[in-house]
């Protein structure tokens, strides 16, 4: 869900903004609603 409580949908554009708590490394990965890696033409599913 987004910060307002609405379900995340591929029909919308979202911006994940801010900072993370201290960590040596972090990753943000996008999955589909079934928990499978998001399929897309460029094959990118995460940022580190």
ModelCIF file with pLDDT and N, C-alpha, C, O atoms, coordinates in Angstrom:
data_MODEL
#
_entry.id   MODEL 
#
_entity.id                         1 
_entity.type                       polymer 
_entity.pdbx_number_of_molecules   1 
#
_entity_poly.entity_id                      1 
_entity_poly.type                           'polypeptide(L)' 
_entity_poly.nstd_linkage                   no 
_entity_poly.nstd_monomer                   no 
_entity_poly.pdbx_seq_one_letter_code       
;(UNK)(UNK)(UNK)(UNK)(UNK)(UNK)(UNK)(UNK)(UNK)(UNK)(UNK)(UNK)(UNK)(UNK)(UNK)(UNK)
(UNK)(UNK)(UNK)(UNK)(UNK)(UNK)(UNK)(UNK)(UNK)(UNK)(UNK)(UNK)(UNK)(UNK)(UNK)(UNK)
(UNK)(UNK)(UNK)(UNK)(UNK)(UNK)(UNK)(UNK)(UNK)(UNK)(UNK)(UNK)(UNK)(UNK)(UNK)(UNK)
;
_entity_poly.pdbx_seq_one_letter_code_can   XXXXXXXXXXXXXXXXXXXXXXXXXXXXXXXXXXXXXXXXXXXXXXXX 
_entity_poly.pdbx_strand_id                 A 
#
loop_
_entity_poly_seq.entity_id 
_entity_poly_seq.num 
_entity_poly_seq.mon_id 
_entity_poly_seq.hetero 
1 1  UNK n 
1 2  UNK n 
1 3  UNK n 
1 4  UNK n 
1 5  UNK n 
1 6  UNK n 
1 7  UNK n 
1 8  UNK n 
1 9  UNK n 
1 10 UNK n 
1 11 UNK n 
1 12 UNK n 
1 13 UNK n 
1 14 UNK n 
1 15 UNK n 
1 16 UNK n 
1 17 UNK n 
1 18 UNK n 
1 19 UNK n 
1 20 UNK n 
1 21 UNK n 
1 22 UNK n 
1 23 UNK n 
1 24 UNK n 
1 25 UNK n 
1 26 UNK n 
1 27 UNK n 
1 28 UNK n 
1 29 UNK n 
1 30 UNK n 
1 31 UNK n 
1 32 UNK n 
1 33 UNK n 
1 34 UNK n 
1 35 UNK n 
1 36 UNK n 
1 37 UNK n 
1 38 UNK n 
1 39 UNK n 
1 40 UNK n 
1 41 UNK n 
1 42 UNK n 
1 43 UNK n 
1 44 UNK n 
1 45 UNK n 
1 46 UNK n 
1 47 UNK n 
1 48 UNK n 
#
_struct_asym.id          A 
_struct_asym.entity_id   1 
#
loop_
_ma_qa_metric.id 
_ma_qa_metric.mode 
_ma_qa_metric.name 
_ma_qa_metric.software_group_id 
_ma_qa_metric.type 
1 global pLDDT . pLDDT 
2 local  pLDDT . pLDDT 
#
_ma_qa_metric_global.metric_id      1 
_ma_qa_metric_global.metric_value   90.31 
_ma_qa_metric_global.model_id       1 
_ma_qa_metric_global.ordinal_id     1 
#
loop_
_ma_qa_metric_local.label_asym_id 
_ma_qa_metric_local.label_comp_id 
_ma_qa_metric_local.label_seq_id 
_ma_qa_metric_local.metric_id 
_ma_qa_metric_local.metric_value 
_ma_qa_metric_local.model_id 
_ma_qa_metric_local.ordinal_id 
A UNK 1  2 94.00 1 1  
A UNK 2  2 95.00 1 2  
A UNK 3  2 95.00 1 3  
A UNK 4  2 94.00 1 4  
A UNK 5  2 93.00 1 5  
A UNK 6  2 94.00 1 6  
A UNK 7  2 94.00 1 7  
A UNK 8  2 94.00 1 8  
A UNK 9  2 93.00 1 9  
A UNK 10 2 90.00 1 10 
A UNK 11 2 92.00 1 11 
A UNK 12 2 94.00 1 12 
A UNK 13 2 95.00 1 13 
A UNK 14 2 96.00 1 14 
A UNK 15 2 96.00 1 15 
A UNK 16 2 96.00 1 16 
A UNK 17 2 96.00 1 17 
A UNK 18 2 94.00 1 18 
A UNK 19 2 90.00 1 19 
A UNK 20 2 87.00 1 20 
A UNK 21 2 86.00 1 21 
A UNK 22 2 86.00 1 22 
A UNK 23 2 89.00 1 23 
A UNK 24 2 91.00 1 24 
A UNK 25 2 93.00 1 25 
A UNK 26 2 94.00 1 26 
A UNK 27 2 94.00 1 27 
A UNK 28 2 95.00 1 28 
A UNK 29 2 94.00 1 29 
A UNK 30 2 94.00 1 30 
A UNK 31 2 91.00 1 31 
A UNK 32 2 88.00 1 32 
A UNK 33 2 81.00 1 33 
A UNK 34 2 81.00 1 34 
A UNK 35 2 81.00 1 35 
A UNK 36 2 85.00 1 36 
A UNK 37 2 88.00 1 37 
A UNK 38 2 84.00 1 38 
A UNK 39 2 83.00 1 39 
A UNK 40 2 81.00 1 40 
A UNK 41 2 78.00 1 41 
A UNK 42 2 85.00 1 42 
A UNK 43 2 85.00 1 43 
A UNK 44 2 89.00 1 44 
A UNK 45 2 90.00 1 45 
A UNK 46 2 93.00 1 46 
A UNK 47 2 91.00 1 47 
A UNK 48 2 93.00 1 48 
#
loop_
_atom_site.group_PDB 
_atom_site.id 
_atom_site.type_symbol 
_atom_site.label_atom_id 
_atom_site.label_alt_id 
_atom_site.label_comp_id 
_atom_site.label_asym_id 
_atom_site.label_entity_id 
_atom_site.label_seq_id 
_atom_site.pdbx_PDB_ins_code 
_atom_site.Cartn_x 
_atom_site.Cartn_y 
_atom_site.Cartn_z 
_atom_site.occupancy 
_atom_site.B_iso_or_equiv 
_atom_site.pdbx_formal_charge 
_atom_site.auth_seq_id 
_atom_site.auth_comp_id 
_atom_site.auth_asym_id 
_atom_site.auth_atom_id 
_atom_site.pdbx_PDB_model_num 
ATOM 1   N N  . UNK A 1 1  ? 0.858  -1.182  0.000   1.00 94.00 ? 1  UNK A N  1 
ATOM 2   C CA . UNK A 1 1  ? 0.000  0.000   0.000   1.00 94.00 ? 1  UNK A CA 1 
ATOM 3   C C  . UNK A 1 1  ? 0.898  1.236   0.000   1.00 94.00 ? 1  UNK A C  1 
ATOM 4   O O  . UNK A 1 1  ? 2.038  1.176   0.461   1.00 94.00 ? 1  UNK A O  1 
ATOM 5   N N  . UNK A 1 2  ? 0.392  2.348   -0.512  1.00 95.00 ? 2  UNK A N  1 
ATOM 6   C CA . UNK A 1 2  ? 1.167  3.584   -0.479  1.00 95.00 ? 2  UNK A CA 1 
ATOM 7   C C  . UNK A 1 2  ? 1.004  4.259   0.881   1.00 95.00 ? 2  UNK A C  1 
ATOM 8   O O  . UNK A 1 2  ? 0.360  3.711   1.776   1.00 95.00 ? 2  UNK A O  1 
ATOM 9   N N  . UNK A 1 3  ? 1.585  5.445   1.035   1.00 95.00 ? 3  UNK A N  1 
ATOM 10  C CA . UNK A 1 3  ? 1.556  6.141   2.318   1.00 95.00 ? 3  UNK A CA 1 
ATOM 11  C C  . UNK A 1 3  ? 0.169  6.611   2.726   1.00 95.00 ? 3  UNK A C  1 
ATOM 12  O O  . UNK A 1 3  ? -0.050 6.939   3.892   1.00 95.00 ? 3  UNK A O  1 
ATOM 13  N N  . UNK A 1 4  ? -0.782 6.652   1.777   1.00 94.00 ? 4  UNK A N  1 
ATOM 14  C CA . UNK A 1 4  ? -2.157 7.027   2.120   1.00 94.00 ? 4  UNK A CA 1 
ATOM 15  C C  . UNK A 1 4  ? -3.032 5.810   2.390   1.00 94.00 ? 4  UNK A C  1 
ATOM 16  O O  . UNK A 1 4  ? -4.201 5.959   2.744   1.00 94.00 ? 4  UNK A O  1 
ATOM 17  N N  . UNK A 1 5  ? -2.481 4.604   2.227   1.00 93.00 ? 5  UNK A N  1 
ATOM 18  C CA . UNK A 1 5  ? -3.229 3.380   2.491   1.00 93.00 ? 5  UNK A CA 1 
ATOM 19  C C  . UNK A 1 5  ? -3.861 2.752   1.272   1.00 93.00 ? 5  UNK A C  1 
ATOM 20  O O  . UNK A 1 5  ? -4.533 1.729   1.401   1.00 93.00 ? 5  UNK A O  1 
ATOM 21  N N  . UNK A 1 6  ? -3.675 3.324   0.084   1.00 94.00 ? 6  UNK A N  1 
ATOM 22  C CA . UNK A 1 6  ? -4.242 2.756   -1.150  1.00 94.00 ? 6  UNK A CA 1 
ATOM 23  C C  . UNK A 1 6  ? -3.349 1.631   -1.669  1.00 94.00 ? 6  UNK A C  1 
ATOM 24  O O  . UNK A 1 6  ? -2.123 1.710   -1.579  1.00 94.00 ? 6  UNK A O  1 
ATOM 25  N N  . UNK A 1 7  ? -3.962 0.602   -2.203  1.00 94.00 ? 7  UNK A N  1 
ATOM 26  C CA . UNK A 1 7  ? -3.236 -0.550  -2.753  1.00 94.00 ? 7  UNK A CA 1 
ATOM 27  C C  . UNK A 1 7  ? -2.334 -0.108  -3.904  1.00 94.00 ? 7  UNK A C  1 
ATOM 28  O O  . UNK A 1 7  ? -2.749 0.691   -4.744  1.00 94.00 ? 7  UNK A O  1 
ATOM 29  N N  . UNK A 1 8  ? -1.094 -0.623  -3.950  1.00 94.00 ? 8  UNK A N  1 
ATOM 30  C CA . UNK A 1 8  ? -0.162 -0.299  -5.030  1.00 94.00 ? 8  UNK A CA 1 
ATOM 31  C C  . UNK A 1 8  ? -0.606 -0.991  -6.313  1.00 94.00 ? 8  UNK A C  1 
ATOM 32  O O  . UNK A 1 8  ? -0.868 -2.193  -6.317  1.00 94.00 ? 8  UNK A O  1 
ATOM 33  N N  . UNK A 1 9  ? -0.690 -0.231  -7.401  1.00 93.00 ? 9  UNK A N  1 
ATOM 34  C CA . UNK A 1 9  ? -1.161 -0.749  -8.689  1.00 93.00 ? 9  UNK A CA 1 
ATOM 35  C C  . UNK A 1 9  ? -0.217 -0.322  -9.797  1.00 93.00 ? 9  UNK A C  1 
ATOM 36  O O  . UNK A 1 9  ? 0.308  0.791   -9.781  1.00 93.00 ? 9  UNK A O  1 
ATOM 37  N N  . UNK A 1 10 ? -0.004 -1.211  -10.759 1.00 90.00 ? 10 UNK A N  1 
ATOM 38  C CA . UNK A 1 10 ? 0.831  -0.901  -11.913 1.00 90.00 ? 10 UNK A CA 1 
ATOM 39  C C  . UNK A 1 10 ? 0.235  0.175   -12.808 1.00 90.00 ? 10 UNK A C  1 
ATOM 40  O O  . UNK A 1 10 ? 0.930  0.696   -13.681 1.00 90.00 ? 10 UNK A O  1 
ATOM 41  N N  . UNK A 1 11 ? -1.016 0.516   -12.616 1.00 92.00 ? 11 UNK A N  1 
ATOM 42  C CA . UNK A 1 11 ? -1.664 1.574   -13.409 1.00 92.00 ? 11 UNK A CA 1 
ATOM 43  C C  . UNK A 1 11 ? -1.265 2.971   -12.940 1.00 92.00 ? 11 UNK A C  1 
ATOM 44  O O  . UNK A 1 11 ? -1.554 3.960   -13.613 1.00 92.00 ? 11 UNK A O  1 
ATOM 45  N N  . UNK A 1 12 ? -0.605 3.050   -11.796 1.00 94.00 ? 12 UNK A N  1 
ATOM 46  C CA . UNK A 1 12 ? -0.229 4.348   -11.229 1.00 94.00 ? 12 UNK A CA 1 
ATOM 47  C C  . UNK A 1 12 ? 1.295  4.513   -11.216 1.00 94.00 ? 12 UNK A C  1 
ATOM 48  O O  . UNK A 1 12 ? 2.056  3.549   -11.292 1.00 94.00 ? 12 UNK A O  1 
ATOM 49  N N  . UNK A 1 13 ? 1.692  5.768   -11.117 1.00 95.00 ? 13 UNK A N  1 
ATOM 50  C CA . UNK A 1 13 ? 3.096  6.109   -10.939 1.00 95.00 ? 13 UNK A CA 1 
ATOM 51  C C  . UNK A 1 13 ? 3.310  6.405   -9.462  1.00 95.00 ? 13 UNK A C  1 
ATOM 52  O O  . UNK A 1 13 ? 2.501  7.099   -8.845  1.00 95.00 ? 13 UNK A O  1 
ATOM 53  N N  . UNK A 1 14 ? 4.390  5.885   -8.889  1.00 96.00 ? 14 UNK A N  1 
ATOM 54  C CA . UNK A 1 14 ? 4.701  6.099   -7.478  1.00 96.00 ? 14 UNK A CA 1 
ATOM 55  C C  . UNK A 1 14 ? 6.109  6.644   -7.353  1.00 96.00 ? 14 UNK A C  1 
ATOM 56  O O  . UNK A 1 14 ? 6.977  6.374   -8.184  1.00 96.00 ? 14 UNK A O  1 
ATOM 57  N N  . UNK A 1 15 ? 6.318  7.412   -6.305  1.00 96.00 ? 15 UNK A N  1 
ATOM 58  C CA . UNK A 1 15 ? 7.654  7.890   -5.991  1.00 96.00 ? 15 UNK A CA 1 
ATOM 59  C C  . UNK A 1 15 ? 7.983  7.455   -4.564  1.00 96.00 ? 15 UNK A C  1 
ATOM 60  O O  . UNK A 1 15 ? 7.283  7.808   -3.615  1.00 96.00 ? 15 UNK A O  1 
ATOM 61  N N  . UNK A 1 16 ? 9.047  6.693   -4.435  1.00 96.00 ? 16 UNK A N  1 
ATOM 62  C CA . UNK A 1 16 ? 9.546  6.263   -3.131  1.00 96.00 ? 16 UNK A CA 1 
ATOM 63  C C  . UNK A 1 16 ? 10.630 7.266   -2.757  1.00 96.00 ? 16 UNK A C  1 
ATOM 64  O O  . UNK A 1 16 ? 11.689 7.305   -3.384  1.00 96.00 ? 16 UNK A O  1 
ATOM 65  N N  . UNK A 1 17 ? 10.366 8.076   -1.735  1.00 96.00 ? 17 UNK A N  1 
ATOM 66  C CA . UNK A 1 17 ? 11.275 9.176   -1.411  1.00 96.00 ? 17 UNK A CA 1 
ATOM 67  C C  . UNK A 1 17 ? 11.673 9.169   0.052   1.00 96.00 ? 17 UNK A C  1 
ATOM 68  O O  . UNK A 1 17 ? 10.947 8.678   0.916   1.00 96.00 ? 17 UNK A O  1 
ATOM 69  N N  . UNK A 1 18 ? 12.832 9.720   0.301   1.00 94.00 ? 18 UNK A N  1 
ATOM 70  C CA . UNK A 1 18 ? 13.298 9.892   1.679   1.00 94.00 ? 18 UNK A CA 1 
ATOM 71  C C  . UNK A 1 18 ? 14.667 9.295   1.868   1.00 94.00 ? 18 UNK A C  1 
ATOM 72  O O  . UNK A 1 18 ? 15.499 9.288   0.961   1.00 94.00 ? 18 UNK A O  1 
ATOM 73  N N  . UNK A 1 19 ? 14.882 8.795   3.061   1.00 90.00 ? 19 UNK A N  1 
ATOM 74  C CA . UNK A 1 19 ? 16.131 8.146   3.405   1.00 90.00 ? 19 UNK A CA 1 
ATOM 75  C C  . UNK A 1 19 ? 15.814 6.837   4.103   1.00 90.00 ? 19 UNK A C  1 
ATOM 76  O O  . UNK A 1 19 ? 14.688 6.609   4.546   1.00 90.00 ? 19 UNK A O  1 
ATOM 77  N N  . UNK A 1 20 ? 16.814 5.986   4.194   1.00 87.00 ? 20 UNK A N  1 
ATOM 78  C CA . UNK A 1 20 ? 16.630 4.724   4.906   1.00 87.00 ? 20 UNK A CA 1 
ATOM 79  C C  . UNK A 1 20 ? 17.365 4.808   6.240   1.00 87.00 ? 20 UNK A C  1 
ATOM 80  O O  . UNK A 1 20 ? 18.253 5.644   6.408   1.00 87.00 ? 20 UNK A O  1 
ATOM 81  N N  . UNK A 1 21 ? 17.006 3.959   7.173   1.00 86.00 ? 21 UNK A N  1 
ATOM 82  C CA . UNK A 1 21 ? 17.791 3.878   8.403   1.00 86.00 ? 21 UNK A CA 1 
ATOM 83  C C  . UNK A 1 21 ? 19.212 3.435   8.070   1.00 86.00 ? 21 UNK A C  1 
ATOM 84  O O  . UNK A 1 21 ? 19.455 2.927   6.976   1.00 86.00 ? 21 UNK A O  1 
ATOM 85  N N  . UNK A 1 22 ? 20.145 3.616   8.988   1.00 86.00 ? 22 UNK A N  1 
ATOM 86  C CA . UNK A 1 22 ? 21.534 3.219   8.713   1.00 86.00 ? 22 UNK A CA 1 
ATOM 87  C C  . UNK A 1 22 ? 21.634 1.738   8.346   1.00 86.00 ? 22 UNK A C  1 
ATOM 88  O O  . UNK A 1 22 ? 21.049 0.877   9.003   1.00 86.00 ? 22 UNK A O  1 
ATOM 89  N N  . UNK A 1 23 ? 22.379 1.467   7.294   1.00 89.00 ? 23 UNK A N  1 
ATOM 90  C CA . UNK A 1 23 ? 22.621 0.095   6.851   1.00 89.00 ? 23 UNK A CA 1 
ATOM 91  C C  . UNK A 1 23 ? 23.843 0.105   5.945   1.00 89.00 ? 23 UNK A C  1 
ATOM 92  O O  . UNK A 1 23 ? 24.102 1.087   5.249   1.00 89.00 ? 23 UNK A O  1 
ATOM 93  N N  . UNK A 1 24 ? 24.587 -0.983  5.957   1.00 91.00 ? 24 UNK A N  1 
ATOM 94  C CA . UNK A 1 24 ? 25.753 -1.070  5.079   1.00 91.00 ? 24 UNK A CA 1 
ATOM 95  C C  . UNK A 1 24 ? 25.301 -1.073  3.621   1.00 91.00 ? 24 UNK A C  1 
ATOM 96  O O  . UNK A 1 24 ? 25.956 -0.480  2.765   1.00 91.00 ? 24 UNK A O  1 
ATOM 97  N N  . UNK A 1 25 ? 24.182 -1.740  3.339   1.00 93.00 ? 25 UNK A N  1 
ATOM 98  C CA . UNK A 1 25 ? 23.644 -1.851  1.991   1.00 93.00 ? 25 UNK A CA 1 
ATOM 99  C C  . UNK A 1 25 ? 22.140 -2.017  2.110   1.00 93.00 ? 25 UNK A C  1 
ATOM 100 O O  . UNK A 1 25 ? 21.655 -2.640  3.054   1.00 93.00 ? 25 UNK A O  1 
ATOM 101 N N  . UNK A 1 26 ? 21.401 -1.465  1.159   1.00 94.00 ? 26 UNK A N  1 
ATOM 102 C CA . UNK A 1 26 ? 19.967 -1.727  1.098   1.00 94.00 ? 26 UNK A CA 1 
ATOM 103 C C  . UNK A 1 26 ? 19.557 -1.928  -0.347  1.00 94.00 ? 26 UNK A C  1 
ATOM 104 O O  . UNK A 1 26 ? 20.214 -1.443  -1.268  1.00 94.00 ? 26 UNK A O  1 
ATOM 105 N N  . UNK A 1 27 ? 18.460 -2.653  -0.534  1.00 94.00 ? 27 UNK A N  1 
ATOM 106 C CA . UNK A 1 27 ? 17.897 -2.856  -1.856  1.00 94.00 ? 27 UNK A CA 1 
ATOM 107 C C  . UNK A 1 27 ? 16.394 -2.600  -1.798  1.00 94.00 ? 27 UNK A C  1 
ATOM 108 O O  . UNK A 1 27 ? 15.746 -2.861  -0.785  1.00 94.00 ? 27 UNK A O  1 
ATOM 109 N N  . UNK A 1 28 ? 15.857 -2.089  -2.891  1.00 95.00 ? 28 UNK A N  1 
ATOM 110 C CA . UNK A 1 28 ? 14.414 -1.920  -3.056  1.00 95.00 ? 28 UNK A CA 1 
ATOM 111 C C  . UNK A 1 28 ? 14.023 -2.739  -4.272  1.00 95.00 ? 28 UNK A C  1 
ATOM 112 O O  . UNK A 1 28 ? 14.463 -2.454  -5.386  1.00 95.00 ? 28 UNK A O  1 
ATOM 113 N N  . UNK A 1 29 ? 13.194 -3.763  -4.062  1.00 94.00 ? 29 UNK A N  1 
ATOM 114 C CA . UNK A 1 29 ? 12.800 -4.681  -5.122  1.00 94.00 ? 29 UNK A CA 1 
ATOM 115 C C  . UNK A 1 29 ? 11.300 -4.603  -5.328  1.00 94.00 ? 29 UNK A C  1 
ATOM 116 O O  . UNK A 1 29 ? 10.537 -4.513  -4.366  1.00 94.00 ? 29 UNK A O  1 
ATOM 117 N N  . UNK A 1 30 ? 10.875 -4.639  -6.593  1.00 94.00 ? 30 UNK A N  1 
ATOM 118 C CA . UNK A 1 30 ? 9.445  -4.610  -6.914  1.00 94.00 ? 30 UNK A CA 1 
ATOM 119 C C  . UNK A 1 30 ? 9.004  -5.998  -7.369  1.00 94.00 ? 30 UNK A C  1 
ATOM 120 O O  . UNK A 1 30 ? 9.623  -6.627  -8.226  1.00 94.00 ? 30 UNK A O  1 
ATOM 121 N N  . UNK A 1 31 ? 7.899  -6.451  -6.755  1.00 91.00 ? 31 UNK A N  1 
ATOM 122 C CA . UNK A 1 31 ? 7.300  -7.739  -7.071  1.00 91.00 ? 31 UNK A CA 1 
ATOM 123 C C  . UNK A 1 31 ? 5.874  -7.512  -7.550  1.00 91.00 ? 31 UNK A C  1 
ATOM 124 O O  . UNK A 1 31 ? 5.306  -6.439  -7.348  1.00 91.00 ? 31 UNK A O  1 
ATOM 125 N N  . UNK A 1 32 ? 5.295  -8.535  -8.190  1.00 88.00 ? 32 UNK A N  1 
ATOM 126 C CA . UNK A 1 32 ? 3.879  -8.430  -8.526  1.00 88.00 ? 32 UNK A CA 1 
ATOM 127 C C  . UNK A 1 32 ? 3.072  -8.831  -7.285  1.00 88.00 ? 32 UNK A C  1 
ATOM 128 O O  . UNK A 1 32 ? 3.644  -9.200  -6.259  1.00 88.00 ? 32 UNK A O  1 
ATOM 129 N N  . UNK A 1 33 ? 1.773  -8.757  -7.382  1.00 81.00 ? 33 UNK A N  1 
ATOM 130 C CA . UNK A 1 33 ? 0.914  -9.041  -6.242  1.00 81.00 ? 33 UNK A CA 1 
ATOM 131 C C  . UNK A 1 33 ? 1.010  -10.467 -5.721  1.00 81.00 ? 33 UNK A C  1 
ATOM 132 O O  . UNK A 1 33 ? 0.629  -10.737 -4.582  1.00 81.00 ? 33 UNK A O  1 
ATOM 133 N N  . UNK A 1 34 ? 1.521  -11.391 -6.551  1.00 81.00 ? 34 UNK A N  1 
ATOM 134 C CA . UNK A 1 34 ? 1.673  -12.786 -6.140  1.00 81.00 ? 34 UNK A CA 1 
ATOM 135 C C  . UNK A 1 34 ? 3.037  -13.065 -5.525  1.00 81.00 ? 34 UNK A C  1 
ATOM 136 O O  . UNK A 1 34 ? 3.328  -14.205 -5.162  1.00 81.00 ? 34 UNK A O  1 
ATOM 137 N N  . UNK A 1 35 ? 3.878  -12.041 -5.402  1.00 81.00 ? 35 UNK A N  1 
ATOM 138 C CA . UNK A 1 35 ? 5.193  -12.214 -4.814  1.00 81.00 ? 35 UNK A CA 1 
ATOM 139 C C  . UNK A 1 35 ? 6.260  -12.664 -5.793  1.00 81.00 ? 35 UNK A C  1 
ATOM 140 O O  . UNK A 1 35 ? 7.341  -13.078 -5.376  1.00 81.00 ? 35 UNK A O  1 
ATOM 141 N N  . UNK A 1 36 ? 5.977  -12.589 -7.100  1.00 85.00 ? 36 UNK A N  1 
ATOM 142 C CA . UNK A 1 36 ? 6.966  -12.946 -8.125  1.00 85.00 ? 36 UNK A CA 1 
ATOM 143 C C  . UNK A 1 36 ? 7.668  -11.667 -8.604  1.00 85.00 ? 36 UNK A C  1 
ATOM 144 O O  . UNK A 1 36 ? 7.068  -10.593 -8.608  1.00 85.00 ? 36 UNK A O  1 
ATOM 145 N N  . UNK A 1 37 ? 8.928  -11.786 -9.003  1.00 88.00 ? 37 UNK A N  1 
ATOM 146 C CA . UNK A 1 37 ? 9.632  -10.608 -9.516  1.00 88.00 ? 37 UNK A CA 1 
ATOM 147 C C  . UNK A 1 37 ? 8.846  -9.991  -10.665 1.00 88.00 ? 37 UNK A C  1 
ATOM 148 O O  . UNK A 1 37 ? 8.294  -10.703 -11.504 1.00 88.00 ? 37 UNK A O  1 
ATOM 149 N N  . UNK A 1 38 ? 8.801  -8.668  -10.697 1.00 84.00 ? 38 UNK A N  1 
ATOM 150 C CA . UNK A 1 38 ? 8.036  -7.942  -11.713 1.00 84.00 ? 38 UNK A CA 1 
ATOM 151 C C  . UNK A 1 38 ? 8.689  -8.149  -13.076 1.00 84.00 ? 38 UNK A C  1 
ATOM 152 O O  . UNK A 1 38 ? 9.873  -7.863  -13.256 1.00 84.00 ? 38 UNK A O  1 
ATOM 153 N N  . UNK A 1 39 ? 7.920  -8.640  -14.019 1.00 83.00 ? 39 UNK A N  1 
ATOM 154 C CA . UNK A 1 39 ? 8.426  -8.806  -15.387 1.00 83.00 ? 39 UNK A CA 1 
ATOM 155 C C  . UNK A 1 39 ? 8.314  -7.479  -16.113 1.00 83.00 ? 39 UNK A C  1 
ATOM 156 O O  . UNK A 1 39 ? 7.300  -6.787  -16.026 1.00 83.00 ? 39 UNK A O  1 
ATOM 157 N N  . UNK A 1 40 ? 9.377  -7.137  -16.831 1.00 81.00 ? 40 UNK A N  1 
ATOM 158 C CA . UNK A 1 40 ? 9.366  -5.912  -17.625 1.00 81.00 ? 40 UNK A CA 1 
ATOM 159 C C  . UNK A 1 40 ? 10.382 -6.056  -18.747 1.00 81.00 ? 40 UNK A C  1 
ATOM 160 O O  . UNK A 1 40 ? 11.272 -6.904  -18.682 1.00 81.00 ? 40 UNK A O  1 
ATOM 161 N N  . UNK A 1 41 ? 10.248 -5.224  -19.781 1.00 78.00 ? 41 UNK A N  1 
ATOM 162 C CA . UNK A 1 41 ? 11.102 -5.386  -20.963 1.00 78.00 ? 41 UNK A CA 1 
ATOM 163 C C  . UNK A 1 41 ? 12.598 -5.203  -20.703 1.00 78.00 ? 41 UNK A C  1 
ATOM 164 O O  . UNK A 1 41 ? 13.411 -5.815  -21.395 1.00 78.00 ? 41 UNK A O  1 
ATOM 165 N N  . UNK A 1 42 ? 12.977 -4.393  -19.743 1.00 85.00 ? 42 UNK A N  1 
ATOM 166 C CA . UNK A 1 42 ? 14.408 -4.170  -19.528 1.00 85.00 ? 42 UNK A CA 1 
ATOM 167 C C  . UNK A 1 42 ? 14.989 -5.092  -18.458 1.00 85.00 ? 42 UNK A C  1 
ATOM 168 O O  . UNK A 1 42 ? 16.200 -5.101  -18.239 1.00 85.00 ? 42 UNK A O  1 
ATOM 169 N N  . UNK A 1 43 ? 14.130 -5.870  -17.790 1.00 85.00 ? 43 UNK A N  1 
ATOM 170 C CA . UNK A 1 43 ? 14.612 -6.842  -16.814 1.00 85.00 ? 43 UNK A CA 1 
ATOM 171 C C  . UNK A 1 43 ? 15.127 -6.249  -15.525 1.00 85.00 ? 43 UNK A C  1 
ATOM 172 O O  . UNK A 1 43 ? 15.862 -6.915  -14.795 1.00 85.00 ? 43 UNK A O  1 
ATOM 173 N N  . UNK A 1 44 ? 14.767 -5.023  -15.225 1.00 89.00 ? 44 UNK A N  1 
ATOM 174 C CA . UNK A 1 44 ? 15.225 -4.386  -13.986 1.00 89.00 ? 44 UNK A CA 1 
ATOM 175 C C  . UNK A 1 44 ? 14.137 -4.510  -12.928 1.00 89.00 ? 44 UNK A C  1 
ATOM 176 O O  . UNK A 1 44 ? 13.003 -4.083  -13.145 1.00 89.00 ? 44 UNK A O  1 
ATOM 177 N N  . UNK A 1 45 ? 14.480 -5.092  -11.787 1.00 90.00 ? 45 UNK A N  1 
ATOM 178 C CA . UNK A 1 45 ? 13.492 -5.280  -10.729 1.00 90.00 ? 45 UNK A CA 1 
ATOM 179 C C  . UNK A 1 45 ? 13.890 -4.626  -9.408  1.00 90.00 ? 45 UNK A C  1 
ATOM 180 O O  . UNK A 1 45 ? 13.110 -4.643  -8.456  1.00 90.00 ? 45 UNK A O  1 
ATOM 181 N N  . UNK A 1 46 ? 15.097 -4.047  -9.336  1.00 93.00 ? 46 UNK A N  1 
ATOM 182 C CA . UNK A 1 46 ? 15.515 -3.471  -8.063  1.00 93.00 ? 46 UNK A CA 1 
ATOM 183 C C  . UNK A 1 46 ? 16.554 -2.375  -8.238  1.00 93.00 ? 46 UNK A C  1 
ATOM 184 O O  . UNK A 1 46 ? 17.187 -2.235  -9.285  1.00 93.00 ? 46 UNK A O  1 
ATOM 185 N N  . UNK A 1 47 ? 16.701 -1.610  -7.170  1.00 91.00 ? 47 UNK A N  1 
ATOM 186 C CA . UNK A 1 47 ? 17.793 -0.652  -7.030  1.00 91.00 ? 47 UNK A CA 1 
ATOM 187 C C  . UNK A 1 47 ? 18.526 -0.987  -5.741  1.00 91.00 ? 47 UNK A C  1 
ATOM 188 O O  . UNK A 1 47 ? 17.917 -1.437  -4.771  1.00 91.00 ? 47 UNK A O  1 
ATOM 189 N N  . UNK A 1 48 ? 19.828 -0.766  -5.734  1.00 93.00 ? 48 UNK A N  1 
ATOM 190 C CA . UNK A 1 48 ? 20.631 -0.928  -4.536  1.00 93.00 ? 48 UNK A CA 1 
ATOM 191 C C  . UNK A 1 48 ? 21.156 0.442   -4.116  1.00 93.00 ? 48 UNK A C  1 
ATOM 192 O O  . UNK A 1 48 ? 21.867 0.550   -3.117  1.00 93.00 ? 48 UNK A O  1 
#
